[in-house]
Amino acid sequence: MNTTAPDNTYNTSDRRALAWIAGAASLGAGAVHAAAIGAHAEHPAVVKTFTALAVAQLGWGALQLVRQSRVVSMFGVIVNGAALVGWIMAKTSGISFVDGLETAEPTQWSDGLCAALAAVAVIAATV
């Protein structure tokens, strides 16, 4: 009888590495959102939105680094997935319910990086 794990499963070390990657990516995305707050000071709704995203991504990233569990990972998928969906909306059609983000804008380096980090966090937390 073969008692080894199938090739499609991850061992504890792999899961821990993925959790660290997800947490670090979320911390990076949260830092980019925090840095973008000042650049959008003329739009209070955008400031509030970016502040909430920064707090959520930074908080979840820190939690993921110290406490890995399925529940924590699922919360990270929700937080970073929502940020990613918001970025896609902002770049394709605009976000009509956030004053200052109503009009679609071209991708800039910093927001593209932020979206990529959120995507890494979602993928790593999902796996």
N, C-alpha and C. Protein backbone atom coordinates (compact mmCIF):
# COMPACT_ATOMS: atom_id res chain seq x y z
N MET A 1 0.84 -1.17 0.00
CA MET A 1 0.00 0.00 0.00
C MET A 1 0.89 1.24 0.00
N ASN A 2 0.59 2.18 -0.86
CA ASN A 2 1.36 3.41 -0.97
C ASN A 2 0.81 4.43 0.01
N THR A 3 1.65 4.90 0.92
CA THR A 3 1.19 5.86 1.94
C THR A 3 1.68 7.28 1.68
N THR A 4 2.31 7.51 0.54
CA THR A 4 2.77 8.86 0.24
C THR A 4 1.63 9.70 -0.30
N ALA A 5 1.74 10.98 -0.12
CA ALA A 5 0.70 11.90 -0.59
C ALA A 5 0.72 11.97 -2.11
N PRO A 6 -0.44 12.16 -2.73
CA PRO A 6 -0.48 12.32 -4.19
C PRO A 6 0.32 13.54 -4.61
N ASP A 7 0.75 13.54 -5.87
CA ASP A 7 1.58 14.63 -6.38
C ASP A 7 0.85 15.97 -6.41
N ASN A 8 -0.48 15.99 -6.39
CA ASN A 8 -1.21 17.24 -6.52
C ASN A 8 -1.49 17.92 -5.17
N THR A 9 -0.93 17.44 -4.09
CA THR A 9 -1.13 18.08 -2.79
C THR A 9 0.12 18.85 -2.40
N TYR A 10 -0.06 19.79 -1.52
CA TYR A 10 1.05 20.61 -1.04
C TYR A 10 1.39 20.19 0.38
N ASN A 11 2.67 20.09 0.68
CA ASN A 11 3.06 19.77 2.05
C ASN A 11 3.02 21.04 2.90
N THR A 12 3.25 20.88 4.19
CA THR A 12 3.16 22.00 5.12
C THR A 12 4.12 23.12 4.75
N SER A 13 5.31 22.78 4.34
CA SER A 13 6.30 23.78 3.95
C SER A 13 5.83 24.59 2.74
N ASP A 14 5.24 23.90 1.75
CA ASP A 14 4.72 24.59 0.56
C ASP A 14 3.58 25.53 0.93
N ARG A 15 2.68 25.05 1.78
CA ARG A 15 1.54 25.89 2.20
C ARG A 15 2.01 27.12 2.96
N ARG A 16 3.00 26.93 3.81
CA ARG A 16 3.54 28.07 4.57
C ARG A 16 4.19 29.08 3.63
N ALA A 17 4.92 28.61 2.65
CA ALA A 17 5.56 29.51 1.68
C ALA A 17 4.51 30.29 0.89
N LEU A 18 3.45 29.60 0.46
CA LEU A 18 2.38 30.28 -0.27
C LEU A 18 1.68 31.31 0.61
N ALA A 19 1.50 30.98 1.88
CA ALA A 19 0.88 31.92 2.81
C ALA A 19 1.76 33.15 2.98
N TRP A 20 3.05 32.97 3.07
CA TRP A 20 3.97 34.11 3.19
C TRP A 20 3.96 34.95 1.91
N ILE A 21 3.94 34.30 0.77
CA ILE A 21 3.88 35.05 -0.50
C ILE A 21 2.59 35.86 -0.57
N ALA A 22 1.47 35.24 -0.22
CA ALA A 22 0.19 35.95 -0.24
C ALA A 22 0.20 37.13 0.72
N GLY A 23 0.70 36.91 1.93
CA GLY A 23 0.76 37.99 2.92
C GLY A 23 1.65 39.13 2.48
N ALA A 24 2.83 38.79 1.96
CA ALA A 24 3.76 39.83 1.51
C ALA A 24 3.19 40.61 0.33
N ALA A 25 2.53 39.92 -0.59
CA ALA A 25 1.93 40.60 -1.74
C ALA A 25 0.83 41.56 -1.29
N SER A 26 0.02 41.13 -0.33
CA SER A 26 -1.03 41.99 0.19
C SER A 26 -0.44 43.20 0.90
N LEU A 27 0.63 42.99 1.66
CA LEU A 27 1.30 44.12 2.31
C LEU A 27 1.80 45.12 1.27
N GLY A 28 2.35 44.62 0.19
CA GLY A 28 2.83 45.50 -0.88
C GLY A 28 1.70 46.28 -1.52
N ALA A 29 0.59 45.60 -1.81
CA ALA A 29 -0.57 46.28 -2.42
C ALA A 29 -1.14 47.32 -1.46
N GLY A 30 -1.20 46.97 -0.18
CA GLY A 30 -1.69 47.93 0.82
C GLY A 30 -0.79 49.15 0.92
N ALA A 31 0.51 48.93 0.82
CA ALA A 31 1.46 50.05 0.87
C ALA A 31 1.28 50.98 -0.34
N VAL A 32 1.04 50.39 -1.50
CA VAL A 32 0.80 51.21 -2.70
C VAL A 32 -0.48 52.02 -2.53
N HIS A 33 -1.54 51.40 -2.02
CA HIS A 33 -2.78 52.15 -1.77
C HIS A 33 -2.55 53.27 -0.75
N ALA A 34 -1.79 53.00 0.29
CA ALA A 34 -1.50 54.03 1.30
C ALA A 34 -0.73 55.19 0.68
N ALA A 35 0.22 54.88 -0.17
CA ALA A 35 1.01 55.93 -0.83
C ALA A 35 0.17 56.75 -1.79
N ALA A 36 -0.84 56.14 -2.39
CA ALA A 36 -1.68 56.83 -3.37
C ALA A 36 -2.68 57.79 -2.73
N ILE A 37 -2.86 57.68 -1.44
CA ILE A 37 -3.85 58.53 -0.76
C ILE A 37 -3.53 60.01 -0.96
N GLY A 38 -2.30 60.40 -0.76
CA GLY A 38 -1.91 61.80 -0.90
C GLY A 38 -2.08 62.33 -2.30
N ALA A 39 -1.86 61.48 -3.29
CA ALA A 39 -1.98 61.91 -4.69
C ALA A 39 -3.43 62.16 -5.10
N HIS A 40 -4.36 61.68 -4.28
CA HIS A 40 -5.79 61.85 -4.60
C HIS A 40 -6.51 62.69 -3.55
N ALA A 41 -5.79 63.55 -2.88
CA ALA A 41 -6.35 64.33 -1.77
C ALA A 41 -7.51 65.23 -2.19
N GLU A 42 -7.60 65.57 -3.47
CA GLU A 42 -8.68 66.45 -3.92
C GLU A 42 -10.02 65.72 -4.03
N HIS A 43 -10.00 64.40 -3.89
CA HIS A 43 -11.23 63.60 -3.97
C HIS A 43 -11.43 62.82 -2.67
N PRO A 44 -12.20 63.37 -1.72
CA PRO A 44 -12.39 62.71 -0.42
C PRO A 44 -12.90 61.28 -0.51
N ALA A 45 -13.76 60.98 -1.47
CA ALA A 45 -14.28 59.61 -1.60
C ALA A 45 -13.17 58.64 -2.00
N VAL A 46 -12.27 59.08 -2.86
CA VAL A 46 -11.14 58.24 -3.27
C VAL A 46 -10.20 58.04 -2.08
N VAL A 47 -9.97 59.09 -1.31
CA VAL A 47 -9.12 58.99 -0.12
C VAL A 47 -9.69 57.95 0.84
N LYS A 48 -10.99 58.02 1.08
CA LYS A 48 -11.63 57.05 1.98
C LYS A 48 -11.54 55.63 1.43
N THR A 49 -11.76 55.48 0.14
CA THR A 49 -11.69 54.16 -0.49
C THR A 49 -10.28 53.58 -0.40
N PHE A 50 -9.27 54.39 -0.75
CA PHE A 50 -7.88 53.91 -0.69
C PHE A 50 -7.44 53.66 0.75
N THR A 51 -7.93 54.46 1.68
CA THR A 51 -7.59 54.23 3.09
C THR A 51 -8.17 52.89 3.55
N ALA A 52 -9.42 52.63 3.21
CA ALA A 52 -10.04 51.36 3.59
C ALA A 52 -9.31 50.18 2.96
N LEU A 53 -8.95 50.31 1.68
CA LEU A 53 -8.21 49.24 1.02
C LEU A 53 -6.84 49.04 1.64
N ALA A 54 -6.15 50.13 1.94
CA ALA A 54 -4.82 50.02 2.55
C ALA A 54 -4.91 49.33 3.91
N VAL A 55 -5.86 49.74 4.72
CA VAL A 55 -6.02 49.13 6.05
C VAL A 55 -6.35 47.64 5.91
N ALA A 56 -7.28 47.31 5.01
CA ALA A 56 -7.69 45.92 4.84
C ALA A 56 -6.54 45.07 4.31
N GLN A 57 -5.83 45.56 3.30
CA GLN A 57 -4.74 44.77 2.73
C GLN A 57 -3.55 44.66 3.67
N LEU A 58 -3.20 45.75 4.34
CA LEU A 58 -2.09 45.69 5.30
C LEU A 58 -2.45 44.81 6.49
N GLY A 59 -3.67 44.98 7.00
CA GLY A 59 -4.11 44.17 8.13
C GLY A 59 -4.15 42.69 7.80
N TRP A 60 -4.73 42.35 6.64
CA TRP A 60 -4.79 40.95 6.28
C TRP A 60 -3.40 40.38 6.00
N GLY A 61 -2.56 41.16 5.32
CA GLY A 61 -1.21 40.67 5.04
C GLY A 61 -0.44 40.35 6.31
N ALA A 62 -0.55 41.23 7.31
CA ALA A 62 0.12 40.99 8.60
C ALA A 62 -0.46 39.77 9.29
N LEU A 63 -1.78 39.64 9.27
CA LEU A 63 -2.43 38.49 9.89
C LEU A 63 -2.01 37.19 9.20
N GLN A 64 -1.94 37.22 7.89
CA GLN A 64 -1.55 36.03 7.13
C GLN A 64 -0.13 35.58 7.46
N LEU A 65 0.74 36.53 7.75
CA LEU A 65 2.12 36.17 8.09
C LEU A 65 2.23 35.49 9.45
N VAL A 66 1.33 35.81 10.37
CA VAL A 66 1.44 35.25 11.72
C VAL A 66 0.44 34.13 12.01
N ARG A 67 -0.61 34.04 11.21
CA ARG A 67 -1.63 33.02 11.48
C ARG A 67 -2.19 32.50 10.17
N GLN A 68 -1.69 31.37 9.73
CA GLN A 68 -2.19 30.78 8.50
C GLN A 68 -3.31 29.79 8.81
N SER A 69 -4.43 30.00 8.16
CA SER A 69 -5.56 29.08 8.25
C SER A 69 -6.41 29.28 7.01
N ARG A 70 -7.32 28.35 6.77
CA ARG A 70 -8.21 28.47 5.62
C ARG A 70 -9.11 29.69 5.74
N VAL A 71 -9.58 29.97 6.94
CA VAL A 71 -10.45 31.12 7.14
C VAL A 71 -9.70 32.42 6.85
N VAL A 72 -8.49 32.52 7.36
CA VAL A 72 -7.68 33.72 7.12
C VAL A 72 -7.40 33.86 5.63
N SER A 73 -7.03 32.76 4.98
CA SER A 73 -6.76 32.80 3.54
C SER A 73 -7.99 33.21 2.75
N MET A 74 -9.16 32.69 3.13
CA MET A 74 -10.39 33.03 2.43
C MET A 74 -10.69 34.53 2.56
N PHE A 75 -10.46 35.09 3.74
CA PHE A 75 -10.66 36.52 3.93
C PHE A 75 -9.72 37.31 3.02
N GLY A 76 -8.49 36.85 2.86
CA GLY A 76 -7.54 37.51 1.97
C GLY A 76 -7.96 37.45 0.52
N VAL A 77 -8.55 36.34 0.11
CA VAL A 77 -9.06 36.22 -1.25
C VAL A 77 -10.17 37.25 -1.47
N ILE A 78 -11.02 37.42 -0.46
CA ILE A 78 -12.12 38.39 -0.57
C ILE A 78 -11.58 39.82 -0.63
N VAL A 79 -10.68 40.16 0.29
CA VAL A 79 -10.14 41.53 0.35
C VAL A 79 -9.38 41.87 -0.93
N ASN A 80 -8.42 41.03 -1.29
CA ASN A 80 -7.60 41.34 -2.46
C ASN A 80 -8.36 41.12 -3.76
N GLY A 81 -9.30 40.17 -3.76
CA GLY A 81 -10.15 40.00 -4.94
C GLY A 81 -11.01 41.22 -5.19
N ALA A 82 -11.57 41.78 -4.11
CA ALA A 82 -12.37 43.00 -4.25
C ALA A 82 -11.52 44.16 -4.77
N ALA A 83 -10.30 44.27 -4.28
CA ALA A 83 -9.40 45.33 -4.76
C ALA A 83 -9.09 45.13 -6.25
N LEU A 84 -8.89 43.90 -6.65
CA LEU A 84 -8.59 43.60 -8.05
C LEU A 84 -9.79 43.89 -8.94
N VAL A 85 -10.97 43.50 -8.50
CA VAL A 85 -12.19 43.79 -9.27
C VAL A 85 -12.39 45.31 -9.38
N GLY A 86 -12.17 46.02 -8.27
CA GLY A 86 -12.27 47.48 -8.30
C GLY A 86 -11.30 48.11 -9.28
N TRP A 87 -10.08 47.59 -9.32
CA TRP A 87 -9.07 48.11 -10.26
C TRP A 87 -9.53 47.87 -11.70
N ILE A 88 -10.04 46.67 -11.98
CA ILE A 88 -10.51 46.37 -13.34
C ILE A 88 -11.65 47.31 -13.71
N MET A 89 -12.57 47.53 -12.78
CA MET A 89 -13.68 48.47 -13.05
C MET A 89 -13.15 49.88 -13.30
N ALA A 90 -12.21 50.33 -12.47
CA ALA A 90 -11.68 51.68 -12.61
C ALA A 90 -10.97 51.88 -13.94
N LYS A 91 -10.36 50.84 -14.46
CA LYS A 91 -9.61 50.96 -15.70
C LYS A 91 -10.45 50.73 -16.95
N THR A 92 -11.57 50.02 -16.80
CA THR A 92 -12.38 49.72 -17.99
C THR A 92 -13.59 50.63 -18.15
N SER A 93 -14.30 50.90 -17.04
CA SER A 93 -15.54 51.68 -17.17
C SER A 93 -15.65 52.80 -16.15
N GLY A 94 -14.75 52.83 -15.18
CA GLY A 94 -14.86 53.78 -14.08
C GLY A 94 -15.77 53.21 -13.00
N ILE A 95 -15.72 53.83 -11.83
CA ILE A 95 -16.56 53.39 -10.71
C ILE A 95 -17.50 54.54 -10.39
N SER A 96 -18.73 54.40 -10.84
CA SER A 96 -19.68 55.51 -10.79
C SER A 96 -20.04 55.94 -9.37
N PHE A 97 -19.95 55.06 -8.40
CA PHE A 97 -20.36 55.39 -7.04
C PHE A 97 -19.22 55.93 -6.17
N VAL A 98 -18.04 56.16 -6.76
CA VAL A 98 -16.91 56.77 -6.03
C VAL A 98 -16.53 58.05 -6.76
N ASP A 99 -16.84 59.21 -6.14
CA ASP A 99 -16.49 60.49 -6.75
C ASP A 99 -14.98 60.58 -6.93
N GLY A 100 -14.56 60.81 -8.17
CA GLY A 100 -13.15 60.88 -8.50
C GLY A 100 -12.68 59.67 -9.29
N LEU A 101 -13.49 58.61 -9.29
CA LEU A 101 -13.14 57.41 -10.06
C LEU A 101 -14.22 57.07 -11.10
N GLU A 102 -15.09 58.04 -11.41
CA GLU A 102 -16.19 57.79 -12.33
C GLU A 102 -15.74 57.50 -13.76
N THR A 103 -14.62 58.04 -14.15
CA THR A 103 -14.13 57.92 -15.52
C THR A 103 -12.99 56.92 -15.57
N ALA A 104 -13.04 56.04 -16.58
CA ALA A 104 -11.95 55.07 -16.77
C ALA A 104 -10.66 55.82 -17.08
N GLU A 105 -9.57 55.36 -16.48
CA GLU A 105 -8.26 55.97 -16.70
C GLU A 105 -7.30 54.92 -17.21
N PRO A 106 -6.28 55.33 -17.94
CA PRO A 106 -5.28 54.35 -18.38
C PRO A 106 -4.48 53.82 -17.19
N THR A 107 -3.94 52.64 -17.38
CA THR A 107 -3.14 52.02 -16.32
C THR A 107 -1.82 52.78 -16.16
N GLN A 108 -1.49 53.07 -14.92
CA GLN A 108 -0.20 53.67 -14.60
C GLN A 108 0.64 52.62 -13.90
N TRP A 109 1.93 52.85 -13.81
CA TRP A 109 2.84 51.86 -13.25
C TRP A 109 2.43 51.45 -11.84
N SER A 110 2.14 52.43 -10.99
CA SER A 110 1.86 52.12 -9.58
C SER A 110 0.55 51.35 -9.41
N ASP A 111 -0.50 51.73 -10.14
CA ASP A 111 -1.75 50.98 -9.97
C ASP A 111 -1.68 49.62 -10.65
N GLY A 112 -0.90 49.49 -11.70
CA GLY A 112 -0.68 48.17 -12.31
C GLY A 112 0.08 47.25 -11.36
N LEU A 113 1.08 47.81 -10.67
CA LEU A 113 1.82 47.03 -9.67
C LEU A 113 0.90 46.60 -8.54
N CYS A 114 0.07 47.52 -8.07
CA CYS A 114 -0.87 47.22 -6.99
C CYS A 114 -1.82 46.10 -7.40
N ALA A 115 -2.33 46.15 -8.61
CA ALA A 115 -3.24 45.10 -9.10
C ALA A 115 -2.51 43.77 -9.22
N ALA A 116 -1.27 43.80 -9.70
CA ALA A 116 -0.50 42.56 -9.82
C ALA A 116 -0.24 41.94 -8.45
N LEU A 117 0.09 42.77 -7.48
CA LEU A 117 0.31 42.25 -6.11
C LEU A 117 -0.97 41.68 -5.52
N ALA A 118 -2.10 42.33 -5.75
CA ALA A 118 -3.38 41.81 -5.27
C ALA A 118 -3.69 40.47 -5.95
N ALA A 119 -3.38 40.36 -7.24
CA ALA A 119 -3.61 39.11 -7.95
C ALA A 119 -2.73 37.99 -7.40
N VAL A 120 -1.47 38.30 -7.11
CA VAL A 120 -0.57 37.31 -6.51
C VAL A 120 -1.12 36.86 -5.16
N ALA A 121 -1.60 37.81 -4.37
CA ALA A 121 -2.16 37.48 -3.05
C ALA A 121 -3.37 36.56 -3.20
N VAL A 122 -4.24 36.85 -4.16
CA VAL A 122 -5.42 36.02 -4.38
C VAL A 122 -5.02 34.62 -4.81
N ILE A 123 -4.13 34.53 -5.77
CA ILE A 123 -3.73 33.22 -6.28
C ILE A 123 -3.03 32.40 -5.20
N ALA A 124 -2.08 33.01 -4.51
CA ALA A 124 -1.34 32.27 -3.47
C ALA A 124 -2.25 31.86 -2.32
N ALA A 125 -3.18 32.73 -1.92
CA ALA A 125 -4.10 32.38 -0.83
C ALA A 125 -5.08 31.30 -1.26
N THR A 126 -5.46 31.31 -2.52
CA THR A 126 -6.39 30.31 -3.04
C THR A 126 -5.73 28.93 -3.10
N VAL A 127 -4.51 28.89 -3.59
CA VAL A 127 -3.80 27.61 -3.72
C VAL A 127 -3.54 27.04 -2.36
